[in-house]
Amino acid sequence: MTTYLSIDPALLEEALAVGGHETKRATVEEVLEEYVERRKQREIMKLFGTIDYYDDSD
């Protein structure tokens, strides 16, 4: 699927340099994957302390 985005050129160049990718596409794909993973982790972190468990159960 082709998608056109308007991205800050300086930010994209910095992401390319930091990520070490050769293409903008590879950079954007990895950034999106990391973003999704981080958001999922954030949702899991919200659950800490909300679930009751017992240490003595097997």
PDB file of N, CA and C in Angstrom:
ATOM      1  N   MET A   1       0.851  -1.168   0.000  1.00  0.00           N
ATOM      2  CA  MET A   1       0.000   0.000   0.000  1.00  0.00           C
ATOM      3  C   MET A   1       0.902   1.240   0.000  1.00  0.00           C
ATOM      4  N   THR A   2       0.674   2.103  -0.909  1.00  0.00           N
ATOM      5  CA  THR A   2       1.434   3.340  -0.994  1.00  0.00           C
ATOM      6  C   THR A   2       0.745   4.416  -0.173  1.00  0.00           C
ATOM      7  N   THR A   3       1.538   5.064   0.678  1.00  0.00           N
ATOM      8  CA  THR A   3       1.035   6.142   1.516  1.00  0.00           C
ATOM      9  C   THR A   3       1.999   7.317   1.406  1.00  0.00           C
ATOM     10  N   TYR A   4       1.468   8.490   1.261  1.00  0.00           N
ATOM     11  CA  TYR A   4       2.296   9.685   1.188  1.00  0.00           C
ATOM     12  C   TYR A   4       2.180  10.444   2.500  1.00  0.00           C
ATOM     13  N   LEU A   5       3.337  10.786   3.070  1.00  0.00           N
ATOM     14  CA  LEU A   5       3.377  11.490   4.343  1.00  0.00           C
ATOM     15  C   LEU A   5       4.225  12.743   4.219  1.00  0.00           C
ATOM     16  N   SER A   6       3.866  13.734   4.982  1.00  0.00           N
ATOM     17  CA  SER A   6       4.684  14.931   5.080  1.00  0.00           C
ATOM     18  C   SER A   6       5.433  14.847   6.407  1.00  0.00           C
ATOM     19  N   ILE A   7       6.732  14.588   6.322  1.00  0.00           N
ATOM     20  CA  ILE A   7       7.551  14.384   7.518  1.00  0.00           C
ATOM     21  C   ILE A   7       8.643  15.447   7.549  1.00  0.00           C
ATOM     22  N   ASP A   8       8.910  15.969   8.727  1.00  0.00           N
ATOM     23  CA  ASP A   8       9.980  16.945   8.910  1.00  0.00           C
ATOM     24  C   ASP A   8      11.280  16.352   8.351  1.00  0.00           C
ATOM     25  N   PRO A   9      11.856  16.957   7.325  1.00  0.00           N
ATOM     26  CA  PRO A   9      13.055  16.402   6.690  1.00  0.00           C
ATOM     27  C   PRO A   9      14.236  16.245   7.646  1.00  0.00           C
ATOM     28  N   ALA A  10      14.414  17.207   8.543  1.00  0.00           N
ATOM     29  CA  ALA A  10      15.524  17.127   9.492  1.00  0.00           C
ATOM     30  C   ALA A  10      15.335  15.947  10.441  1.00  0.00           C
ATOM     31  N   LEU A  11      14.107  15.734  10.883  1.00  0.00           N
ATOM     32  CA  LEU A  11      13.815  14.624  11.780  1.00  0.00           C
ATOM     33  C   LEU A  11      14.028  13.288  11.077  1.00  0.00           C
ATOM     34  N   LEU A  12      13.598  13.201   9.842  1.00  0.00           N
ATOM     35  CA  LEU A  12      13.782  11.973   9.074  1.00  0.00           C
ATOM     36  C   LEU A  12      15.263  11.696   8.837  1.00  0.00           C
ATOM     37  N   GLU A  13      16.034  12.707   8.515  1.00  0.00           N
ATOM     38  CA  GLU A  13      17.476  12.528   8.307  1.00  0.00           C
ATOM     39  C   GLU A  13      18.160  12.086   9.597  1.00  0.00           C
ATOM     40  N   GLU A  14      17.731  12.646  10.724  1.00  0.00           N
ATOM     41  CA  GLU A  14      18.304  12.239  12.009  1.00  0.00           C
ATOM     42  C   GLU A  14      17.964  10.784  12.306  1.00  0.00           C
ATOM     43  N   ALA A  15      16.726  10.390  12.034  1.00  0.00           N
ATOM     44  CA  ALA A  15      16.318   9.000  12.247  1.00  0.00           C
ATOM     45  C   ALA A  15      17.110   8.060  11.342  1.00  0.00           C
ATOM     46  N   LEU A  16      17.351   8.470  10.102  1.00  0.00           N
ATOM     47  CA  LEU A  16      18.164   7.671   9.182  1.00  0.00           C
ATOM     48  C   LEU A  16      19.567   7.473   9.745  1.00  0.00           C
ATOM     49  N   ALA A  17      20.159   8.549  10.245  1.00  0.00           N
ATOM     50  CA  ALA A  17      21.518   8.485  10.772  1.00  0.00           C
ATOM     51  C   ALA A  17      21.596   7.637  12.037  1.00  0.00           C
ATOM     52  N   VAL A  18      20.667   7.843  12.939  1.00  0.00           N
ATOM     53  CA  VAL A  18      20.668   7.115  14.210  1.00  0.00           C
ATOM     54  C   VAL A  18      20.355   5.637  14.001  1.00  0.00           C
ATOM     55  N   GLY A  19      19.403   5.362  13.125  1.00  0.00           N
ATOM     56  CA  GLY A  19      18.982   3.982  12.892  1.00  0.00           C
ATOM     57  C   GLY A  19      19.918   3.199  12.001  1.00  0.00           C
ATOM     58  N   GLY A  20      20.714   3.907  11.225  1.00  0.00           N
ATOM     59  CA  GLY A  20      21.655   3.232  10.349  1.00  0.00           C
ATOM     60  C   GLY A  20      21.017   2.567   9.143  1.00  0.00           C
ATOM     61  N   HIS A  21      19.817   2.969   8.808  1.00  0.00           N
ATOM     62  CA  HIS A  21      19.133   2.381   7.659  1.00  0.00           C
ATOM     63  C   HIS A  21      19.576   3.070   6.381  1.00  0.00           C
ATOM     64  N   GLU A  22      19.482   2.326   5.290  1.00  0.00           N
ATOM     65  CA  GLU A  22      19.871   2.881   3.997  1.00  0.00           C
ATOM     66  C   GLU A  22      18.721   3.592   3.302  1.00  0.00           C
ATOM     67  N   THR A  23      17.483   3.268   3.684  1.00  0.00           N
ATOM     68  CA  THR A  23      16.332   3.869   3.013  1.00  0.00           C
ATOM     69  C   THR A  23      15.396   4.526   4.018  1.00  0.00           C
ATOM     70  N   LYS A  24      14.653   5.491   3.519  1.00  0.00           N
ATOM     71  CA  LYS A  24      13.649   6.153   4.351  1.00  0.00           C
ATOM     72  C   LYS A  24      12.557   5.166   4.731  1.00  0.00           C
ATOM     73  N   ARG A  25      12.196   4.307   3.789  1.00  0.00           N
ATOM     74  CA  ARG A  25      11.149   3.319   4.047  1.00  0.00           C
ATOM     75  C   ARG A  25      11.522   2.408   5.216  1.00  0.00           C
ATOM     76  N   ALA A  26      12.746   1.893   5.213  1.00  0.00           N
ATOM     77  CA  ALA A  26      13.195   1.015   6.296  1.00  0.00           C
ATOM     78  C   ALA A  26      13.192   1.754   7.623  1.00  0.00           C
ATOM     79  N   THR A  27      13.584   3.010   7.582  1.00  0.00           N
ATOM     80  CA  THR A  27      13.595   3.828   8.799  1.00  0.00           C
ATOM     81  C   THR A  27      12.188   4.007   9.344  1.00  0.00           C
ATOM     82  N   VAL A  28      11.265   4.410   8.496  1.00  0.00           N
ATOM     83  CA  VAL A  28       9.886   4.651   8.925  1.00  0.00           C
ATOM     84  C   VAL A  28       9.249   3.359   9.417  1.00  0.00           C
ATOM     85  N   GLU A  29       9.490   2.243   8.739  1.00  0.00           N
ATOM     86  CA  GLU A  29       8.908   0.970   9.171  1.00  0.00           C
ATOM     87  C   GLU A  29       9.405   0.581  10.554  1.00  0.00           C
ATOM     88  N   GLU A  30      10.715   0.720  10.802  1.00  0.00           N
ATOM     89  CA  GLU A  30      11.231   0.362  12.118  1.00  0.00           C
ATOM     90  C   GLU A  30      10.703   1.298  13.195  1.00  0.00           C
ATOM     91  N   VAL A  31      10.634   2.565  12.883  1.00  0.00           N
ATOM     92  CA  VAL A  31      10.106   3.529  13.854  1.00  0.00           C
ATOM     93  C   VAL A  31       8.665   3.188  14.216  1.00  0.00           C
ATOM     94  N   LEU A  32       7.858   2.848  13.226  1.00  0.00           N
ATOM     95  CA  LEU A  32       6.462   2.486  13.491  1.00  0.00           C
ATOM     96  C   LEU A  32       6.371   1.206  14.315  1.00  0.00           C
ATOM     97  N   GLU A  33       7.215   0.215  14.012  1.00  0.00           N
ATOM     98  CA  GLU A  33       7.219  -1.029  14.788  1.00  0.00           C
ATOM     99  C   GLU A  33       7.579  -0.750  16.242  1.00  0.00           C
ATOM    100  N   GLU A  34       8.604   0.075  16.456  1.00  0.00           N
ATOM    101  CA  GLU A  34       9.006   0.415  17.819  1.00  0.00           C
ATOM    102  C   GLU A  34       7.904   1.186  18.543  1.00  0.00           C
ATOM    103  N   TYR A  35       7.230   2.071  17.838  1.00  0.00           N
ATOM    104  CA  TYR A  35       6.137   2.850  18.420  1.00  0.00           C
ATOM    105  C   TYR A  35       5.007   1.936  18.885  1.00  0.00           C
ATOM    106  N   VAL A  36       4.614   1.011  18.027  1.00  0.00           N
ATOM    107  CA  VAL A  36       3.529   0.082  18.367  1.00  0.00           C
ATOM    108  C   VAL A  36       3.934  -0.776  19.564  1.00  0.00           C
ATOM    109  N   GLU A  37       5.155  -1.291  19.558  1.00  0.00           N
ATOM    110  CA  GLU A  37       5.628  -2.126  20.663  1.00  0.00           C
ATOM    111  C   GLU A  37       5.635  -1.343  21.973  1.00  0.00           C
ATOM    112  N   ARG A  38       6.113  -0.116  21.928  1.00  0.00           N
ATOM    113  CA  ARG A  38       6.159   0.715  23.135  1.00  0.00           C
ATOM    114  C   ARG A  38       4.763   1.001  23.667  1.00  0.00           C
ATOM    115  N   ARG A  39       3.819   1.261  22.783  1.00  0.00           N
ATOM    116  CA  ARG A  39       2.436   1.512  23.216  1.00  0.00           C
ATOM    117  C   ARG A  39       1.821   0.273  23.851  1.00  0.00           C
ATOM    118  N   LYS A  40       2.106  -0.896  23.297  1.00  0.00           N
ATOM    119  CA  LYS A  40       1.611  -2.146  23.885  1.00  0.00           C
ATOM    120  C   LYS A  40       2.209  -2.340  25.275  1.00  0.00           C
ATOM    121  N   GLN A  41       3.504  -2.070  25.403  1.00  0.00           N
ATOM    122  CA  GLN A  41       4.157  -2.199  26.705  1.00  0.00           C
ATOM    123  C   GLN A  41       3.556  -1.224  27.710  1.00  0.00           C
ATOM    124  N   ARG A  42       3.238  -0.030  27.263  1.00  0.00           N
ATOM    125  CA  ARG A  42       2.637   0.974  28.150  1.00  0.00           C
ATOM    126  C   ARG A  42       1.288   0.494  28.681  1.00  0.00           C
ATOM    127  N   GLU A  43       0.501  -0.139  27.815  1.00  0.00           N
ATOM    128  CA  GLU A  43      -0.796  -0.675  28.239  1.00  0.00           C
ATOM    129  C   GLU A  43      -0.611  -1.794  29.260  1.00  0.00           C
ATOM    130  N   ILE A  44       0.395  -2.634  29.057  1.00  0.00           N
ATOM    131  CA  ILE A  44       0.680  -3.709  30.013  1.00  0.00           C
ATOM    132  C   ILE A  44       1.111  -3.111  31.350  1.00  0.00           C
ATOM    133  N   MET A  45       1.935  -2.072  31.308  1.00  0.00           N
ATOM    134  CA  MET A  45       2.410  -1.442  32.541  1.00  0.00           C
ATOM    135  C   MET A  45       1.251  -0.870  33.361  1.00  0.00           C
ATOM    136  N   LYS A  46       0.203  -0.426  32.698  1.00  0.00           N
ATOM    137  CA  LYS A  46      -0.962   0.103  33.408  1.00  0.00           C
ATOM    138  C   LYS A  46      -1.638  -0.970  34.259  1.00  0.00           C
ATOM    139  N   LEU A  47      -1.437  -2.238  33.903  1.00  0.00           N
ATOM    140  CA  LEU A  47      -2.067  -3.333  34.633  1.00  0.00           C
ATOM    141  C   LEU A  47      -1.336  -3.686  35.923  1.00  0.00           C
ATOM    142  N   PHE A  48      -0.071  -3.280  36.054  1.00  0.00           N
ATOM    143  CA  PHE A  48       0.680  -3.609  37.258  1.00  0.00           C
ATOM    144  C   PHE A  48      -0.032  -3.057  38.482  1.00  0.00           C
ATOM    145  N   GLY A  49      -0.201  -3.915  39.461  1.00  0.00           N
ATOM    146  CA  GLY A  49      -0.871  -3.533  40.690  1.00  0.00           C
ATOM    147  C   GLY A  49      -2.382  -3.647  40.632  1.00  0.00           C
ATOM    148  N   THR A  50      -2.926  -4.042  39.490  1.00  0.00           N
ATOM    149  CA  THR A  50      -4.378  -4.154  39.376  1.00  0.00           C
ATOM    150  C   THR A  50      -4.851  -5.600  39.390  1.00  0.00           C
ATOM    151  N   ILE A  51      -3.915  -6.543  39.355  1.00  0.00           N
ATOM    152  CA  ILE A  51      -4.274  -7.960  39.323  1.00  0.00           C
ATOM    153  C   ILE A  51      -3.866  -8.595  40.646  1.00  0.00           C
ATOM    154  N   ASP A  52      -4.808  -9.251  41.306  1.00  0.00           N
ATOM    155  CA  ASP A  52      -4.513  -9.940  42.558  1.00  0.00           C
ATOM    156  C   ASP A  52      -3.959 -11.326  42.260  1.00  0.00           C
ATOM    157  N   TYR A  53      -2.916 -11.697  42.972  1.00  0.00           N
ATOM    158  CA  TYR A  53      -2.366 -13.039  42.834  1.00  0.00           C
ATOM    159  C   TYR A  53      -1.865 -13.492  44.197  1.00  0.00           C
ATOM    160  N   TYR A  54      -1.686 -14.785  44.318  1.00  0.00           N
ATOM    161  CA  TYR A  54      -1.254 -15.362  45.580  1.00  0.00           C
ATOM    162  C   TYR A  54       0.063 -16.084  45.366  1.00  0.00           C
ATOM    163  N   ASP A  55       1.063 -15.751  46.188  1.00  0.00           N
ATOM    164  CA  ASP A  55       2.386 -16.356  46.064  1.00  0.00           C
ATOM    165  C   ASP A  55       2.388 -17.838  46.399  1.00  0.00           C
ATOM    166  N   ASP A  56       1.449 -18.293  47.228  1.00  0.00           N
ATOM    167  CA  ASP A  56       1.479 -19.676  47.697  1.00  0.00           C
ATOM    168  C   ASP A  56       0.740 -20.646  46.775  1.00  0.00           C
ATOM    169  N   SER A  57       0.180 -20.187  45.681  1.00  0.00           N
ATOM    170  CA  SER A  57      -0.535 -21.110  44.793  1.00  0.00           C
ATOM    171  C   SER A  57       0.422 -21.714  43.776  1.00  0.00           C
ATOM    172  N   ASP A  58       0.088 -22.940  43.357  1.00  0.00           N
ATOM    173  CA  ASP A  58       0.940 -23.636  42.378  1.00  0.00           C
ATOM    174  C   ASP A  58       0.445 -23.411  40.985  1.00  0.00           C
TER     175      ASP A  58
END
